[in-house]
N, C-alpha and C. Protein backbone atom coordinates (compact mmCIF):
# COMPACT_ATOMS: atom_id res chain seq x y z
N GLY A 1 13.06 -68.17 59.34
CA GLY A 1 12.13 -67.11 59.07
C GLY A 1 12.36 -65.94 60.01
N TRP A 2 11.51 -64.99 59.92
CA TRP A 2 11.59 -63.79 60.73
C TRP A 2 10.56 -63.84 61.84
N GLN A 3 10.74 -63.01 62.84
CA GLN A 3 9.82 -62.96 63.97
C GLN A 3 9.64 -61.52 64.42
N LEU A 4 8.45 -61.22 64.93
CA LEU A 4 8.22 -59.95 65.62
C LEU A 4 8.38 -60.22 67.10
N ARG A 5 9.18 -59.40 67.78
CA ARG A 5 9.45 -59.61 69.20
C ARG A 5 9.20 -58.35 69.99
N LEU A 6 8.79 -58.55 71.23
CA LEU A 6 8.48 -57.48 72.16
C LEU A 6 9.75 -56.96 72.81
N GLY A 7 9.92 -55.64 72.78
CA GLY A 7 11.01 -55.01 73.49
C GLY A 7 10.47 -54.37 74.77
N HIS A 8 11.19 -54.51 75.85
CA HIS A 8 10.79 -53.88 77.10
C HIS A 8 11.39 -52.48 77.18
N PRO A 9 10.85 -51.61 78.04
CA PRO A 9 11.39 -50.25 78.13
C PRO A 9 12.91 -50.26 78.33
N GLY A 10 13.59 -49.42 77.56
CA GLY A 10 15.04 -49.31 77.65
C GLY A 10 15.81 -50.29 76.79
N GLN A 11 15.13 -51.21 76.09
CA GLN A 11 15.82 -52.18 75.26
C GLN A 11 15.83 -51.72 73.80
N SER A 12 16.95 -51.92 73.14
CA SER A 12 17.01 -51.70 71.69
C SER A 12 16.58 -53.00 71.01
N CYS A 13 16.30 -52.93 69.72
CA CYS A 13 15.96 -54.15 68.99
C CYS A 13 17.19 -55.04 68.83
N ASP A 14 18.39 -54.45 68.83
CA ASP A 14 19.60 -55.27 68.85
C ASP A 14 19.62 -56.13 70.12
N ASP A 15 19.24 -55.54 71.27
CA ASP A 15 19.18 -56.28 72.54
C ASP A 15 18.13 -57.39 72.47
N VAL A 16 16.94 -57.03 72.02
CA VAL A 16 15.80 -57.97 71.99
C VAL A 16 16.11 -59.16 71.09
N CYS A 17 16.55 -58.89 69.87
CA CYS A 17 16.83 -59.98 68.94
C CYS A 17 18.04 -60.80 69.39
N GLY A 18 19.05 -60.13 69.89
CA GLY A 18 20.26 -60.82 70.35
C GLY A 18 19.99 -61.83 71.45
N LYS A 19 19.07 -61.49 72.37
CA LYS A 19 18.73 -62.41 73.46
C LYS A 19 18.08 -63.68 72.96
N ALA A 20 17.52 -63.62 71.75
CA ALA A 20 16.88 -64.80 71.15
C ALA A 20 17.80 -65.46 70.12
N SER A 21 19.08 -65.10 70.15
CA SER A 21 20.07 -65.59 69.18
C SER A 21 19.68 -65.27 67.74
N LEU A 22 19.05 -64.10 67.58
CA LEU A 22 18.66 -63.60 66.27
C LEU A 22 19.33 -62.24 66.08
N ARG A 23 19.10 -61.61 64.94
CA ARG A 23 19.58 -60.26 64.75
C ARG A 23 18.44 -59.40 64.22
N CYS A 24 18.51 -58.13 64.53
CA CYS A 24 17.51 -57.17 64.09
C CYS A 24 17.72 -56.85 62.61
N ASP A 25 16.63 -56.70 61.88
CA ASP A 25 16.69 -56.25 60.49
C ASP A 25 15.94 -54.93 60.41
N ALA A 26 16.68 -53.81 60.33
CA ALA A 26 16.07 -52.48 60.40
C ALA A 26 15.04 -52.24 59.31
N LYS A 27 15.27 -52.75 58.10
CA LYS A 27 14.31 -52.47 57.04
C LYS A 27 12.96 -53.12 57.31
N GLY A 28 12.94 -54.16 58.13
CA GLY A 28 11.67 -54.81 58.48
C GLY A 28 10.72 -53.88 59.22
N HIS A 29 11.27 -52.89 59.93
CA HIS A 29 10.41 -51.96 60.68
C HIS A 29 9.64 -51.02 59.76
N THR A 30 10.03 -50.96 58.50
CA THR A 30 9.35 -50.06 57.57
C THR A 30 8.29 -50.77 56.73
N PHE A 31 8.21 -52.09 56.80
CA PHE A 31 7.21 -52.81 56.01
C PHE A 31 5.81 -52.43 56.47
N THR A 32 4.94 -52.20 55.54
CA THR A 32 3.59 -51.70 55.84
C THR A 32 2.85 -52.54 56.89
N PRO A 33 2.83 -53.87 56.83
CA PRO A 33 2.07 -54.62 57.85
C PRO A 33 2.67 -54.52 59.25
N VAL A 34 3.94 -54.20 59.37
CA VAL A 34 4.59 -54.06 60.67
C VAL A 34 4.39 -52.65 61.22
N ASN A 35 4.44 -51.68 60.36
CA ASN A 35 4.39 -50.26 60.73
C ASN A 35 2.93 -49.80 60.88
N THR A 36 2.18 -50.49 61.76
CA THR A 36 0.77 -50.15 62.02
C THR A 36 0.50 -50.19 63.52
N CYS A 37 -0.47 -49.43 63.96
CA CYS A 37 -0.85 -49.45 65.37
C CYS A 37 -1.50 -50.78 65.74
N GLU A 38 -2.20 -51.40 64.80
CA GLU A 38 -2.81 -52.71 65.03
C GLU A 38 -1.73 -53.75 65.35
N ALA A 39 -0.66 -53.73 64.58
CA ALA A 39 0.45 -54.67 64.81
C ALA A 39 1.09 -54.42 66.18
N ILE A 40 1.32 -53.15 66.52
CA ILE A 40 1.91 -52.82 67.81
C ILE A 40 1.03 -53.34 68.95
N ALA A 41 -0.26 -53.07 68.88
CA ALA A 41 -1.18 -53.48 69.94
C ALA A 41 -1.20 -55.00 70.09
N THR A 42 -1.16 -55.72 68.98
CA THR A 42 -1.21 -57.19 69.02
C THR A 42 0.09 -57.79 69.56
N VAL A 43 1.21 -57.37 69.00
CA VAL A 43 2.50 -57.96 69.38
C VAL A 43 2.88 -57.57 70.81
N LEU A 44 2.69 -56.30 71.16
CA LEU A 44 3.09 -55.83 72.49
C LEU A 44 2.01 -56.05 73.54
N ARG A 45 0.83 -56.49 73.10
CA ARG A 45 -0.30 -56.74 74.00
C ARG A 45 -0.64 -55.49 74.83
N VAL A 46 -0.85 -54.39 74.10
CA VAL A 46 -1.18 -53.11 74.74
C VAL A 46 -2.43 -52.53 74.07
N THR A 47 -3.01 -51.56 74.73
CA THR A 47 -4.12 -50.81 74.15
C THR A 47 -3.60 -49.41 73.84
N CYS A 48 -3.70 -49.04 72.58
CA CYS A 48 -3.24 -47.71 72.16
C CYS A 48 -4.36 -46.71 72.42
N LYS A 49 -4.13 -45.77 73.35
CA LYS A 49 -5.12 -44.72 73.58
C LYS A 49 -5.20 -43.79 72.38
N ALA A 50 -4.14 -43.71 71.62
CA ALA A 50 -4.10 -42.95 70.38
C ALA A 50 -3.06 -43.58 69.47
N CYS A 51 -3.25 -43.37 68.17
CA CYS A 51 -2.30 -43.87 67.17
C CYS A 51 -1.70 -42.66 66.48
N VAL A 52 -0.41 -42.44 66.70
CA VAL A 52 0.28 -41.28 66.13
C VAL A 52 0.99 -41.75 64.86
N VAL A 53 0.51 -41.25 63.73
CA VAL A 53 1.00 -41.76 62.45
C VAL A 53 2.01 -40.84 61.77
N ASP A 54 2.24 -39.67 62.32
CA ASP A 54 3.13 -38.72 61.65
C ASP A 54 4.48 -38.61 62.34
N ARG A 55 4.92 -39.69 62.92
CA ARG A 55 6.19 -39.69 63.65
C ARG A 55 7.30 -40.19 62.74
N SER A 56 8.43 -39.55 62.77
CA SER A 56 9.62 -40.04 62.08
C SER A 56 10.75 -40.02 63.07
N ASP A 57 11.11 -41.18 63.58
CA ASP A 57 12.28 -41.28 64.44
C ASP A 57 12.81 -42.70 64.44
N ALA A 58 13.93 -42.89 65.09
CA ALA A 58 14.65 -44.16 65.04
C ALA A 58 13.98 -45.26 65.84
N LEU A 59 12.99 -44.95 66.68
CA LEU A 59 12.36 -45.94 67.55
C LEU A 59 11.16 -46.65 66.92
N THR A 60 10.52 -46.04 65.97
CA THR A 60 9.26 -46.57 65.44
C THR A 60 9.43 -47.93 64.79
N PRO A 61 8.38 -48.76 64.82
CA PRO A 61 7.12 -48.59 65.55
C PRO A 61 7.30 -48.92 67.04
N TYR A 62 6.57 -48.16 67.90
CA TYR A 62 6.72 -48.38 69.33
C TYR A 62 5.49 -47.93 70.11
N TYR A 63 5.50 -48.31 71.40
CA TYR A 63 4.44 -47.95 72.34
C TYR A 63 5.07 -47.09 73.44
N SER A 64 4.52 -45.90 73.66
CA SER A 64 4.99 -45.03 74.74
C SER A 64 4.27 -45.42 76.02
N VAL A 65 5.01 -45.91 77.00
CA VAL A 65 4.41 -46.38 78.25
C VAL A 65 3.72 -45.24 79.00
N PRO A 66 4.37 -44.07 79.23
CA PRO A 66 3.68 -43.02 79.99
C PRO A 66 2.47 -42.43 79.26
N LYS A 67 2.56 -42.31 77.95
CA LYS A 67 1.46 -41.70 77.18
C LYS A 67 0.39 -42.71 76.74
N GLN A 68 0.73 -44.00 76.81
CA GLN A 68 -0.15 -45.08 76.36
C GLN A 68 -0.60 -44.87 74.92
N ARG A 69 0.35 -44.43 74.10
CA ARG A 69 0.09 -44.18 72.69
C ARG A 69 1.01 -45.05 71.84
N CYS A 70 0.53 -45.39 70.66
CA CYS A 70 1.34 -46.13 69.70
C CYS A 70 1.83 -45.16 68.63
N PHE A 71 3.07 -45.33 68.22
CA PHE A 71 3.69 -44.45 67.24
C PHE A 71 4.19 -45.27 66.05
N ILE A 72 3.80 -44.86 64.86
CA ILE A 72 4.32 -45.50 63.66
C ILE A 72 5.08 -44.46 62.84
N ASN A 73 5.95 -44.92 61.94
CA ASN A 73 6.82 -44.03 61.20
C ASN A 73 6.14 -43.52 59.95
N PHE A 74 6.24 -42.24 59.73
CA PHE A 74 5.69 -41.58 58.55
C PHE A 74 6.45 -42.00 57.29
N LEU A 75 7.69 -42.45 57.44
CA LEU A 75 8.53 -43.00 56.38
C LEU A 75 8.79 -42.03 55.22
N HIS A 76 8.82 -40.74 55.52
CA HIS A 76 9.10 -39.77 54.47
C HIS A 76 10.41 -39.03 54.69
N ASP A 77 11.05 -39.25 55.81
CA ASP A 77 12.32 -38.58 56.09
C ASP A 77 13.41 -39.63 56.20
N LYS A 78 14.21 -39.77 55.15
CA LYS A 78 15.22 -40.84 55.12
C LYS A 78 16.23 -40.72 56.26
N ALA A 79 16.41 -39.52 56.81
CA ALA A 79 17.35 -39.32 57.91
C ALA A 79 16.79 -39.84 59.23
N LEU A 80 15.49 -40.08 59.30
CA LEU A 80 14.86 -40.50 60.55
C LEU A 80 14.14 -41.83 60.42
N MET A 81 14.74 -42.77 59.75
CA MET A 81 14.17 -44.11 59.62
C MET A 81 14.49 -44.92 60.88
N PRO A 82 13.70 -45.95 61.15
CA PRO A 82 13.95 -46.79 62.34
C PRO A 82 15.34 -47.43 62.28
N THR A 83 15.95 -47.57 63.45
CA THR A 83 17.23 -48.25 63.56
C THR A 83 17.11 -49.38 64.58
N CYS A 84 18.05 -50.30 64.54
CA CYS A 84 18.04 -51.42 65.49
C CYS A 84 18.63 -51.02 66.84
N SER A 85 19.44 -49.98 66.87
CA SER A 85 20.15 -49.63 68.11
C SER A 85 19.40 -48.63 68.99
N ALA A 86 18.35 -47.99 68.45
CA ALA A 86 17.64 -46.96 69.23
C ALA A 86 16.93 -47.57 70.43
N LYS A 87 16.95 -46.83 71.55
CA LYS A 87 16.25 -47.28 72.75
C LYS A 87 15.86 -46.09 73.59
N ASP A 88 14.84 -46.29 74.43
CA ASP A 88 14.33 -45.22 75.28
C ASP A 88 13.69 -45.89 76.49
N LYS A 89 13.94 -45.36 77.67
CA LYS A 89 13.43 -46.00 78.90
C LYS A 89 11.91 -45.91 79.05
N ALA A 90 11.24 -45.09 78.22
CA ALA A 90 9.79 -44.94 78.30
C ALA A 90 9.06 -45.64 77.15
N VAL A 91 9.81 -46.43 76.37
CA VAL A 91 9.26 -46.99 75.13
C VAL A 91 9.41 -48.50 75.07
N LYS A 92 8.34 -49.18 74.60
CA LYS A 92 8.41 -50.60 74.27
C LYS A 92 8.47 -50.67 72.75
N ARG A 93 9.56 -51.20 72.22
CA ARG A 93 9.71 -51.31 70.77
C ARG A 93 9.18 -52.63 70.27
N MET A 94 8.68 -52.62 69.04
CA MET A 94 8.33 -53.84 68.35
C MET A 94 9.46 -54.11 67.37
N CYS A 95 10.10 -55.27 67.50
CA CYS A 95 11.32 -55.55 66.75
C CYS A 95 11.13 -56.65 65.72
N VAL A 96 11.74 -56.45 64.56
CA VAL A 96 11.75 -57.46 63.50
C VAL A 96 13.10 -58.18 63.58
N CYS A 97 13.03 -59.47 63.91
CA CYS A 97 14.24 -60.28 64.09
C CYS A 97 14.33 -61.37 63.02
N VAL A 98 15.54 -61.63 62.57
CA VAL A 98 15.80 -62.66 61.56
C VAL A 98 16.96 -63.52 62.05
N PRO A 99 17.11 -64.74 61.47
CA PRO A 99 18.28 -65.55 61.83
C PRO A 99 19.56 -64.76 61.57
N ARG A 100 20.58 -65.02 62.36
CA ARG A 100 21.83 -64.26 62.24
C ARG A 100 22.40 -64.28 60.83
N GLU A 101 22.21 -65.40 60.11
CA GLU A 101 22.78 -65.49 58.77
C GLU A 101 21.80 -65.09 57.68
N GLY A 102 20.56 -64.80 58.03
CA GLY A 102 19.54 -64.51 57.03
C GLY A 102 19.30 -63.03 56.80
N THR A 103 18.60 -62.74 55.74
CA THR A 103 18.15 -61.38 55.46
C THR A 103 16.71 -61.46 55.00
N LEU A 104 16.00 -60.38 55.18
CA LEU A 104 14.61 -60.34 54.73
C LEU A 104 14.54 -60.06 53.24
N PRO A 105 13.62 -60.73 52.55
CA PRO A 105 13.40 -60.37 51.15
C PRO A 105 12.76 -58.98 51.10
N THR A 106 12.60 -58.44 49.94
CA THR A 106 12.03 -57.11 49.80
C THR A 106 10.63 -57.04 50.41
N VAL A 107 9.79 -58.02 50.13
CA VAL A 107 8.43 -58.04 50.68
C VAL A 107 8.18 -59.44 51.27
N PRO A 108 8.46 -59.63 52.57
CA PRO A 108 8.34 -60.97 53.15
C PRO A 108 6.90 -61.38 53.44
N PHE A 109 5.97 -60.44 53.46
CA PHE A 109 4.58 -60.77 53.75
C PHE A 109 3.71 -59.67 53.17
N THR A 110 2.45 -59.95 53.03
CA THR A 110 1.57 -58.98 52.40
C THR A 110 0.40 -58.56 53.27
N SER A 111 0.18 -59.23 54.39
CA SER A 111 -0.98 -58.86 55.21
C SER A 111 -0.65 -59.00 56.69
N PHE A 112 -1.44 -58.29 57.50
CA PHE A 112 -1.26 -58.36 58.95
C PHE A 112 -1.54 -59.77 59.46
N GLU A 113 -2.47 -60.48 58.83
CA GLU A 113 -2.80 -61.84 59.27
C GLU A 113 -1.56 -62.74 59.23
N GLN A 114 -0.71 -62.53 58.25
CA GLN A 114 0.50 -63.34 58.16
C GLN A 114 1.44 -63.07 59.32
N ILE A 115 1.54 -61.81 59.78
CA ILE A 115 2.46 -61.54 60.88
C ILE A 115 1.83 -61.89 62.22
N SER A 116 0.50 -61.94 62.30
CA SER A 116 -0.15 -62.31 63.55
C SER A 116 0.24 -63.71 63.97
N GLY A 117 0.27 -64.63 63.02
CA GLY A 117 0.66 -66.00 63.31
C GLY A 117 2.11 -66.09 63.71
N ALA A 118 2.96 -65.32 63.05
CA ALA A 118 4.39 -65.33 63.37
C ALA A 118 4.65 -64.73 64.75
N ALA A 119 3.85 -63.75 65.14
CA ALA A 119 4.06 -63.10 66.42
C ALA A 119 3.71 -64.01 67.59
N ALA A 120 2.85 -64.98 67.36
CA ALA A 120 2.40 -65.85 68.44
C ALA A 120 3.44 -66.89 68.82
N LYS A 121 4.46 -67.08 68.01
CA LYS A 121 5.48 -68.11 68.29
C LYS A 121 6.34 -67.76 69.47
């Protein structure tokens, strides 16, 4: 199955998933239950002082350590979709990891409750 994993500042999702003998699946970062400030706060165990929903960049979804804000992707600019290789020393990324040989189905889950249980593993 897939897992949501915590990235530390300066780590890419390729780094995070690789350390767990998994691989990052970039399209997983765009799934609606993952791309929420609630999911970021739960998985990363942070408090979002603000939720910025109009961000389009390769890091989303993520938590900005200096700003204490959560950022999710607006998902309207195909050139600025999340990537597995993006990293920033001021950002904690939330990463979607899958087995090295697996791929995510089009819709692997339908609610945040389903990913909450997976995140606790």
